[in-house]
PDB file of N, CA and C in Angstrom:
ATOM      1  N   MET A   1       0.821  -1.194   0.000  1.00  0.00           N
ATOM      2  CA  MET A   1       0.000   0.000   0.000  1.00  0.00           C
ATOM      3  C   MET A   1       0.862   1.254   0.000  1.00  0.00           C
ATOM      4  N   LYS A   2       1.930   1.248   0.799  1.00  0.00           N
ATOM      5  CA  LYS A   2       2.820   2.410   0.857  1.00  0.00           C
ATOM      6  C   LYS A   2       3.463   2.676  -0.496  1.00  0.00           C
ATOM      7  N   LYS A   3       3.797   1.599  -1.190  1.00  0.00           N
ATOM      8  CA  LYS A   3       4.439   1.738  -2.498  1.00  0.00           C
ATOM      9  C   LYS A   3       3.481   2.394  -3.502  1.00  0.00           C
ATOM     10  N   VAL A   4       2.219   1.994  -3.478  1.00  0.00           N
ATOM     11  CA  VAL A   4       1.219   2.565  -4.369  1.00  0.00           C
ATOM     12  C   VAL A   4       1.015   4.038  -4.045  1.00  0.00           C
ATOM     13  N   LEU A   5       0.902   4.376  -2.777  1.00  0.00           N
ATOM     14  CA  LEU A   5       0.711   5.759  -2.363  1.00  0.00           C
ATOM     15  C   LEU A   5       1.897   6.619  -2.786  1.00  0.00           C
ATOM     16  N   PHE A   6       3.104   6.109  -2.608  1.00  0.00           N
ATOM     17  CA  PHE A   6       4.301   6.842  -3.021  1.00  0.00           C
ATOM     18  C   PHE A   6       4.299   7.083  -4.527  1.00  0.00           C
ATOM     19  N   SER A   7       3.882   6.079  -5.292  1.00  0.00           N
ATOM     20  CA  SER A   7       3.816   6.229  -6.745  1.00  0.00           C
ATOM     21  C   SER A   7       2.816   7.297  -7.149  1.00  0.00           C
ATOM     22  N   LEU A   8       1.666   7.331  -6.476  1.00  0.00           N
ATOM     23  CA  LEU A   8       0.665   8.353  -6.773  1.00  0.00           C
ATOM     24  C   LEU A   8       1.171   9.742  -6.436  1.00  0.00           C
ATOM     25  N   VAL A   9       1.853   9.879  -5.320  1.00  0.00           N
ATOM     26  CA  VAL A   9       2.419  11.175  -4.934  1.00  0.00           C
ATOM     27  C   VAL A   9       3.453  11.613  -5.959  1.00  0.00           C
ATOM     28  N   ALA A  10       4.263  10.714  -6.437  1.00  0.00           N
ATOM     29  CA  ALA A  10       5.274  11.040  -7.453  1.00  0.00           C
ATOM     30  C   ALA A  10       4.605  11.475  -8.751  1.00  0.00           C
ATOM     31  N   LEU A  11       3.524  10.820  -9.142  1.00  0.00           N
ATOM     32  CA  LEU A  11       2.804  11.202 -10.354  1.00  0.00           C
ATOM     33  C   LEU A  11       2.197  12.595 -10.224  1.00  0.00           C
ATOM     34  N   VAL A  12       1.635  12.904  -9.089  1.00  0.00           N
ATOM     35  CA  VAL A  12       1.063  14.228  -8.872  1.00  0.00           C
ATOM     36  C   VAL A  12       2.155  15.279  -8.920  1.00  0.00           C
ATOM     37  N   ALA A  13       3.298  14.999  -8.351  1.00  0.00           N
ATOM     38  CA  ALA A  13       4.418  15.944  -8.368  1.00  0.00           C
ATOM     39  C   ALA A  13       4.887  16.196  -9.790  1.00  0.00           C
ATOM     40  N   ILE A  14       4.933  15.166 -10.596  1.00  0.00           N
ATOM     41  CA  ILE A  14       5.362  15.320 -11.986  1.00  0.00           C
ATOM     42  C   ILE A  14       4.328  16.133 -12.761  1.00  0.00           C
ATOM     43  N   SER A  15       3.043  15.840 -12.561  1.00  0.00           N
ATOM     44  CA  SER A  15       1.984  16.557 -13.263  1.00  0.00           C
ATOM     45  C   SER A  15       1.958  18.029 -12.890  1.00  0.00           C
ATOM     46  N   SER A  16       2.210  18.332 -11.635  1.00  0.00           N
ATOM     47  CA  SER A  16       2.126  19.720 -11.196  1.00  0.00           C
ATOM     48  C   SER A  16       3.291  20.550 -11.727  1.00  0.00           C
ATOM     49  N   ALA A  17       4.290  19.911 -12.294  1.00  0.00           N
ATOM     50  CA  ALA A  17       5.419  20.646 -12.861  1.00  0.00           C
ATOM     51  C   ALA A  17       5.095  21.162 -14.267  1.00  0.00           C
ATOM     52  N   ASP A  18       3.887  20.887 -14.743  1.00  0.00           N
ATOM     53  CA  ASP A  18       3.481  21.359 -16.061  1.00  0.00           C
ATOM     54  C   ASP A  18       3.045  22.816 -15.994  1.00  0.00           C
ATOM     55  N   GLN A  19       3.065  23.459 -17.136  1.00  0.00           N
ATOM     56  CA  GLN A  19       2.585  24.835 -17.244  1.00  0.00           C
ATOM     57  C   GLN A  19       1.537  24.898 -18.346  1.00  0.00           C
ATOM     58  N   LEU A  20       0.639  25.879 -18.234  1.00  0.00           N
ATOM     59  CA  LEU A  20      -0.359  26.101 -19.263  1.00  0.00           C
ATOM     60  C   LEU A  20      -0.016  27.407 -19.960  1.00  0.00           C
ATOM     61  N   VAL A  21       0.233  27.322 -21.259  1.00  0.00           N
ATOM     62  CA  VAL A  21       0.592  28.495 -22.055  1.00  0.00           C
ATOM     63  C   VAL A  21      -0.573  28.806 -22.988  1.00  0.00           C
ATOM     64  N   LYS A  22      -0.979  30.063 -23.013  1.00  0.00           N
ATOM     65  CA  LYS A  22      -2.059  30.497 -23.899  1.00  0.00           C
ATOM     66  C   LYS A  22      -1.473  31.350 -25.018  1.00  0.00           C
ATOM     67  N   LEU A  23      -1.859  31.012 -26.241  1.00  0.00           N
ATOM     68  CA  LEU A  23      -1.342  31.706 -27.414  1.00  0.00           C
ATOM     69  C   LEU A  23      -2.483  32.301 -28.228  1.00  0.00           C
ATOM     70  N   ASN A  24      -2.225  33.449 -28.837  1.00  0.00           N
ATOM     71  CA  ASN A  24      -3.124  34.033 -29.826  1.00  0.00           C
ATOM     72  C   ASN A  24      -2.599  33.621 -31.190  1.00  0.00           C
ATOM     73  N   VAL A  25      -3.448  32.992 -31.998  1.00  0.00           N
ATOM     74  CA  VAL A  25      -3.025  32.494 -33.306  1.00  0.00           C
ATOM     75  C   VAL A  25      -3.891  33.163 -34.374  1.00  0.00           C
ATOM     76  N   SER A  26      -3.247  33.775 -35.353  1.00  0.00           N
ATOM     77  CA  SER A  26      -3.996  34.417 -36.437  1.00  0.00           C
ATOM     78  C   SER A  26      -3.746  33.687 -37.749  1.00  0.00           C
ATOM     79  N   GLY A  27      -4.713  33.843 -38.668  1.00  0.00           N
ATOM     80  CA  GLY A  27      -4.570  33.258 -39.999  1.00  0.00           C
ATOM     81  C   GLY A  27      -5.213  31.907 -40.175  1.00  0.00           C
ATOM     82  N   MET A  28      -5.845  31.361 -39.128  1.00  0.00           N
ATOM     83  CA  MET A  28      -6.521  30.075 -39.262  1.00  0.00           C
ATOM     84  C   MET A  28      -7.891  30.303 -39.893  1.00  0.00           C
ATOM     85  N   MET A  29      -8.206  29.542 -40.944  1.00  0.00           N
ATOM     86  CA  MET A  29      -9.468  29.710 -41.658  1.00  0.00           C
ATOM     87  C   MET A  29     -10.366  28.477 -41.622  1.00  0.00           C
ATOM     88  N   CYS A  30      -9.791  27.303 -41.321  1.00  0.00           N
ATOM     89  CA  CYS A  30     -10.569  26.072 -41.433  1.00  0.00           C
ATOM     90  C   CYS A  30     -10.012  24.997 -40.504  1.00  0.00           C
ATOM     91  N   PRO A  31     -10.701  23.864 -40.401  1.00  0.00           N
ATOM     92  CA  PRO A  31     -10.218  22.778 -39.551  1.00  0.00           C
ATOM     93  C   PRO A  31      -8.825  22.261 -39.942  1.00  0.00           C
ATOM     94  N   ALA A  32      -8.471  22.349 -41.214  1.00  0.00           N
ATOM     95  CA  ALA A  32      -7.121  21.921 -41.629  1.00  0.00           C
ATOM     96  C   ALA A  32      -6.064  22.823 -41.006  1.00  0.00           C
ATOM     97  N   CYS A  33      -6.382  24.111 -40.880  1.00  0.00           N
ATOM     98  CA  CYS A  33      -5.462  25.048 -40.223  1.00  0.00           C
ATOM     99  C   CYS A  33      -5.263  24.656 -38.765  1.00  0.00           C
ATOM    100  N   VAL A  34      -6.358  24.301 -38.113  1.00  0.00           N
ATOM    101  CA  VAL A  34      -6.288  23.877 -36.711  1.00  0.00           C
ATOM    102  C   VAL A  34      -5.372  22.663 -36.585  1.00  0.00           C
ATOM    103  N   LYS A  35      -5.532  21.728 -37.495  1.00  0.00           N
ATOM    104  CA  LYS A  35      -4.703  20.517 -37.484  1.00  0.00           C
ATOM    105  C   LYS A  35      -3.225  20.872 -37.687  1.00  0.00           C
ATOM    106  N   ASN A  36      -2.940  21.808 -38.596  1.00  0.00           N
ATOM    107  CA  ASN A  36      -1.557  22.225 -38.844  1.00  0.00           C
ATOM    108  C   ASN A  36      -0.944  22.895 -37.624  1.00  0.00           C
ATOM    109  N   VAL A  37      -1.704  23.790 -36.997  1.00  0.00           N
ATOM    110  CA  VAL A  37      -1.202  24.489 -35.809  1.00  0.00           C
ATOM    111  C   VAL A  37      -0.967  23.491 -34.686  1.00  0.00           C
ATOM    112  N   LYS A  38      -1.931  22.619 -34.471  1.00  0.00           N
ATOM    113  CA  LYS A  38      -1.807  21.618 -33.410  1.00  0.00           C
ATOM    114  C   LYS A  38      -0.586  20.725 -33.639  1.00  0.00           C
ATOM    115  N   GLY A  39      -0.404  20.282 -34.872  1.00  0.00           N
ATOM    116  CA  GLY A  39       0.758  19.442 -35.186  1.00  0.00           C
ATOM    117  C   GLY A  39       2.068  20.169 -34.974  1.00  0.00           C
ATOM    118  N   SER A  40       2.117  21.440 -35.356  1.00  0.00           N
ATOM    119  CA  SER A  40       3.335  22.234 -35.169  1.00  0.00           C
ATOM    120  C   SER A  40       3.666  22.385 -33.692  1.00  0.00           C
ATOM    121  N   LEU A  41       2.639  22.651 -32.893  1.00  0.00           N
ATOM    122  CA  LEU A  41       2.862  22.806 -31.452  1.00  0.00           C
ATOM    123  C   LEU A  41       3.273  21.491 -30.805  1.00  0.00           C
ATOM    124  N   ASN A  42       2.650  20.406 -31.220  1.00  0.00           N
ATOM    125  CA  ASN A  42       2.981  19.099 -30.639  1.00  0.00           C
ATOM    126  C   ASN A  42       4.392  18.650 -30.978  1.00  0.00           C
ATOM    127  N   ASP A  43       4.984  19.227 -32.022  1.00  0.00           N
ATOM    128  CA  ASP A  43       6.362  18.881 -32.386  1.00  0.00           C
ATOM    129  C   ASP A  43       7.401  19.595 -31.520  1.00  0.00           C
ATOM    130  N   VAL A  44       6.973  20.577 -30.744  1.00  0.00           N
ATOM    131  CA  VAL A  44       7.908  21.312 -29.875  1.00  0.00           C
ATOM    132  C   VAL A  44       8.247  20.437 -28.669  1.00  0.00           C
ATOM    133  N   LYS A  45       9.527  20.312 -28.400  1.00  0.00           N
ATOM    134  CA  LYS A  45       9.978  19.491 -27.271  1.00  0.00           C
ATOM    135  C   LYS A  45       9.412  20.048 -25.973  1.00  0.00           C
ATOM    136  N   GLY A  46       8.787  19.181 -25.182  1.00  0.00           N
ATOM    137  CA  GLY A  46       8.217  19.566 -23.907  1.00  0.00           C
ATOM    138  C   GLY A  46       6.711  19.749 -23.942  1.00  0.00           C
ATOM    139  N   VAL A  47       6.145  19.862 -25.148  1.00  0.00           N
ATOM    140  CA  VAL A  47       4.697  20.021 -25.265  1.00  0.00           C
ATOM    141  C   VAL A  47       4.032  18.667 -25.035  1.00  0.00           C
ATOM    142  N   LYS A  48       3.027  18.671 -24.165  1.00  0.00           N
ATOM    143  CA  LYS A  48       2.345  17.430 -23.814  1.00  0.00           C
ATOM    144  C   LYS A  48       0.939  17.338 -24.395  1.00  0.00           C
ATOM    145  N   GLU A  49       0.245  18.463 -24.447  1.00  0.00           N
ATOM    146  CA  GLU A  49      -1.138  18.456 -24.912  1.00  0.00           C
ATOM    147  C   GLU A  49      -1.478  19.828 -25.494  1.00  0.00           C
ATOM    148  N   THR A  50      -2.222  19.830 -26.582  1.00  0.00           N
ATOM    149  CA  THR A  50      -2.561  21.082 -27.257  1.00  0.00           C
ATOM    150  C   THR A  50      -4.041  21.108 -27.608  1.00  0.00           C
ATOM    151  N   THR A  51      -4.670  22.244 -27.338  1.00  0.00           N
ATOM    152  CA  THR A  51      -6.048  22.481 -27.757  1.00  0.00           C
ATOM    153  C   THR A  51      -6.057  23.770 -28.559  1.00  0.00           C
ATOM    154  N   VAL A  52      -6.608  23.711 -29.778  1.00  0.00           N
ATOM    155  CA  VAL A  52      -6.633  24.881 -30.660  1.00  0.00           C
ATOM    156  C   VAL A  52      -8.088  25.239 -30.939  1.00  0.00           C
ATOM    157  N   TYR A  53      -8.410  26.528 -30.795  1.00  0.00           N
ATOM    158  CA  TYR A  53      -9.766  27.030 -30.990  1.00  0.00           C
ATOM    159  C   TYR A  53      -9.807  27.904 -32.241  1.00  0.00           C
ATOM    160  N   LEU A  54     -10.466  27.410 -33.279  1.00  0.00           N
ATOM    161  CA  LEU A  54     -10.522  28.100 -34.560  1.00  0.00           C
ATOM    162  C   LEU A  54     -11.222  29.454 -34.449  1.00  0.00           C
ATOM    163  N   LYS A  55     -12.451  29.469 -33.946  1.00  0.00           N
ATOM    164  CA  LYS A  55     -13.240  30.711 -33.882  1.00  0.00           C
ATOM    165  C   LYS A  55     -12.575  31.782 -33.025  1.00  0.00           C
ATOM    166  N   GLU A  56     -11.996  31.368 -31.923  1.00  0.00           N
ATOM    167  CA  GLU A  56     -11.374  32.314 -30.997  1.00  0.00           C
ATOM    168  C   GLU A  56      -9.971  32.727 -31.430  1.00  0.00           C
ATOM    169  N   GLY A  57      -9.363  31.940 -32.315  1.00  0.00           N
ATOM    170  CA  GLY A  57      -7.994  32.223 -32.737  1.00  0.00           C
ATOM    171  C   GLY A  57      -7.009  32.060 -31.595  1.00  0.00           C
ATOM    172  N   LYS A  58      -7.206  30.996 -30.835  1.00  0.00           N
ATOM    173  CA  LYS A  58      -6.373  30.770 -29.655  1.00  0.00           C
ATOM    174  C   LYS A  58      -5.916  29.324 -29.577  1.00  0.00           C
ATOM    175  N   ALA A  59      -4.860  29.134 -28.797  1.00  0.00           N
ATOM    176  CA  ALA A  59      -4.377  27.786 -28.500  1.00  0.00           C
ATOM    177  C   ALA A  59      -3.985  27.738 -27.034  1.00  0.00           C
ATOM    178  N   GLU A  60      -4.266  26.609 -26.400  1.00  0.00           N
ATOM    179  CA  GLU A  60      -3.822  26.359 -25.030  1.00  0.00           C
ATOM    180  C   GLU A  60      -2.894  25.154 -25.078  1.00  0.00           C
ATOM    181  N   VAL A  61      -1.734  25.328 -24.487  1.00  0.00           N
ATOM    182  CA  VAL A  61      -0.708  24.298 -24.568  1.00  0.00           C
ATOM    183  C   VAL A  61      -0.277  23.894 -23.169  1.00  0.00           C
ATOM    184  N   LYS A  62      -0.402  22.618 -22.879  1.00  0.00           N
ATOM    185  CA  LYS A  62       0.117  22.059 -21.627  1.00  0.00           C
ATOM    186  C   LYS A  62       1.524  21.562 -21.933  1.00  0.00           C
ATOM    187  N   ALA A  63       2.490  22.092 -21.207  1.00  0.00           N
ATOM    188  CA  ALA A  63       3.890  21.756 -21.507  1.00  0.00           C
ATOM    189  C   ALA A  63       4.676  21.586 -20.210  1.00  0.00           C
ATOM    190  N   ALA A  64       5.795  20.928 -20.333  1.00  0.00           N
ATOM    191  CA  ALA A  64       6.679  20.758 -19.189  1.00  0.00           C
ATOM    192  C   ALA A  64       7.200  22.121 -18.745  1.00  0.00           C
ATOM    193  N   GLU A  65       7.380  22.264 -17.452  1.00  0.00           N
ATOM    194  CA  GLU A  65       7.934  23.499 -16.899  1.00  0.00           C
ATOM    195  C   GLU A  65       9.260  23.802 -17.586  1.00  0.00           C
ATOM    196  N   GLY A  66       9.438  25.042 -17.984  1.00  0.00           N
ATOM    197  CA  GLY A  66      10.674  25.437 -18.655  1.00  0.00           C
ATOM    198  C   GLY A  66      10.570  25.453 -20.170  1.00  0.00           C
ATOM    199  N   THR A  67       9.508  24.874 -20.717  1.00  0.00           N
ATOM    200  CA  THR A  67       9.298  24.948 -22.166  1.00  0.00           C
ATOM    201  C   THR A  67       8.937  26.390 -22.501  1.00  0.00           C
ATOM    202  N   LYS A  68       9.628  26.961 -23.458  1.00  0.00           N
ATOM    203  CA  LYS A  68       9.458  28.384 -23.747  1.00  0.00           C
ATOM    204  C   LYS A  68       8.306  28.652 -24.701  1.00  0.00           C
ATOM    205  N   ALA A  69       7.459  29.601 -24.302  1.00  0.00           N
ATOM    206  CA  ALA A  69       6.318  29.991 -25.128  1.00  0.00           C
ATOM    207  C   ALA A  69       6.789  30.542 -26.473  1.00  0.00           C
ATOM    208  N   GLU A  70       7.935  31.198 -26.488  1.00  0.00           N
ATOM    209  CA  GLU A  70       8.461  31.757 -27.735  1.00  0.00           C
ATOM    210  C   GLU A  70       8.776  30.653 -28.740  1.00  0.00           C
ATOM    211  N   GLU A  71       9.258  29.515 -28.257  1.00  0.00           N
ATOM    212  CA  GLU A  71       9.533  28.377 -29.143  1.00  0.00           C
ATOM    213  C   GLU A  71       8.243  27.847 -29.751  1.00  0.00           C
ATOM    214  N   MET A  72       7.172  27.864 -28.949  1.00  0.00           N
ATOM    215  CA  MET A  72       5.873  27.420 -29.448  1.00  0.00           C
ATOM    216  C   MET A  72       5.393  28.366 -30.553  1.00  0.00           C
ATOM    217  N   CYS A  73       5.507  29.665 -30.309  1.00  0.00           N
ATOM    218  CA  CYS A  73       5.095  30.653 -31.310  1.00  0.00           C
ATOM    219  C   CYS A  73       5.948  30.532 -32.572  1.00  0.00           C
ATOM    220  N   ASP A  74       7.235  30.299 -32.414  1.00  0.00           N
ATOM    221  CA  ASP A  74       8.106  30.130 -33.581  1.00  0.00           C
ATOM    222  C   ASP A  74       7.632  28.953 -34.440  1.00  0.00           C
ATOM    223  N   ALA A  75       7.221  27.872 -33.799  1.00  0.00           N
ATOM    224  CA  ALA A  75       6.733  26.701 -34.539  1.00  0.00           C
ATOM    225  C   ALA A  75       5.459  27.040 -35.311  1.00  0.00           C
ATOM    226  N   VAL A  76       4.570  27.804 -34.677  1.00  0.00           N
ATOM    227  CA  VAL A  76       3.321  28.206 -35.338  1.00  0.00           C
ATOM    228  C   VAL A  76       3.629  29.120 -36.519  1.00  0.00           C
ATOM    229  N   LYS A  77       4.566  30.044 -36.330  1.00  0.00           N
ATOM    230  CA  LYS A  77       4.944  30.965 -37.404  1.00  0.00           C
ATOM    231  C   LYS A  77       5.582  30.224 -38.578  1.00  0.00           C
ATOM    232  N   LYS A  78       6.403  29.219 -38.285  1.00  0.00           N
ATOM    233  CA  LYS A  78       7.015  28.427 -39.351  1.00  0.00           C
ATOM    234  C   LYS A  78       5.961  27.681 -40.171  1.00  0.00           C
ATOM    235  N   ALA A  79       4.828  27.385 -39.529  1.00  0.00           N
ATOM    236  CA  ALA A  79       3.738  26.702 -40.226  1.00  0.00           C
ATOM    237  C   ALA A  79       2.909  27.678 -41.066  1.00  0.00           C
ATOM    238  N   GLY A  80       3.210  28.989 -40.936  1.00  0.00           N
ATOM    239  CA  GLY A  80       2.545  29.977 -41.788  1.00  0.00           C
ATOM    240  C   GLY A  80       1.440  30.782 -41.113  1.00  0.00           C
ATOM    241  N   TYR A  81       1.403  30.779 -39.799  1.00  0.00           N
ATOM    242  CA  TYR A  81       0.366  31.498 -39.073  1.00  0.00           C
ATOM    243  C   TYR A  81       0.999  32.552 -38.176  1.00  0.00           C
ATOM    244  N   GLY A  82       0.207  33.540 -37.775  1.00  0.00           N
ATOM    245  CA  GLY A  82       0.681  34.522 -36.818  1.00  0.00           C
ATOM    246  C   GLY A  82       0.527  33.985 -35.418  1.00  0.00           C
ATOM    247  N   CYS A  83       1.375  34.436 -34.504  1.00  0.00           N
ATOM    248  CA  CYS A  83       1.309  33.935 -33.142  1.00  0.00           C
ATOM    249  C   CYS A  83       1.887  34.945 -32.169  1.00  0.00           C
ATOM    250  N   SER A  84       1.238  35.067 -31.020  1.00  0.00           N
ATOM    251  CA  SER A  84       1.777  35.842 -29.912  1.00  0.00           C
ATOM    252  C   SER A  84       1.342  35.179 -28.618  1.00  0.00           C
ATOM    253  N   VAL A  85       2.121  35.390 -27.575  1.00  0.00           N
ATOM    254  CA  VAL A  85       1.788  34.829 -26.269  1.00  0.00           C
ATOM    255  C   VAL A  85       0.703  35.707 -25.659  1.00  0.00           C
ATOM    256  N   ALA A  86      -0.390  35.073 -25.221  1.00  0.00           N
ATOM    257  CA  ALA A  86      -1.483  35.816 -24.593  1.00  0.00           C
ATOM    258  C   ALA A  86      -1.042  36.271 -23.205  1.00  0.00           C
ATOM    259  N   LYS A  87      -1.416  37.464 -22.857  1.00  0.00           N
ATOM    260  CA  LYS A  87      -1.054  38.014 -21.540  1.00  0.00           C
ATOM    261  C   LYS A  87      -2.110  37.731 -20.533  1.00  0.00           C
TER     262      LYS A  87
END
């Protein structure tokens, strides 16, 4: 039982080291754009989960602590879209 509890505590500690980054993304016109942006963000080292909102022109990225938002925006820009870190 102690071993299981310790494992759960370790998992919670690892999960809490994540950060949520919000990005403003411009130039998305259709679901294919969403797929491209999501794929570009998921290719950034440290990114764990990405949600992209077409109508709102936003993306929320769950990433490991220390993953730089600027690197995420650079990936989106390389894919042909505008990007800025939401304040």
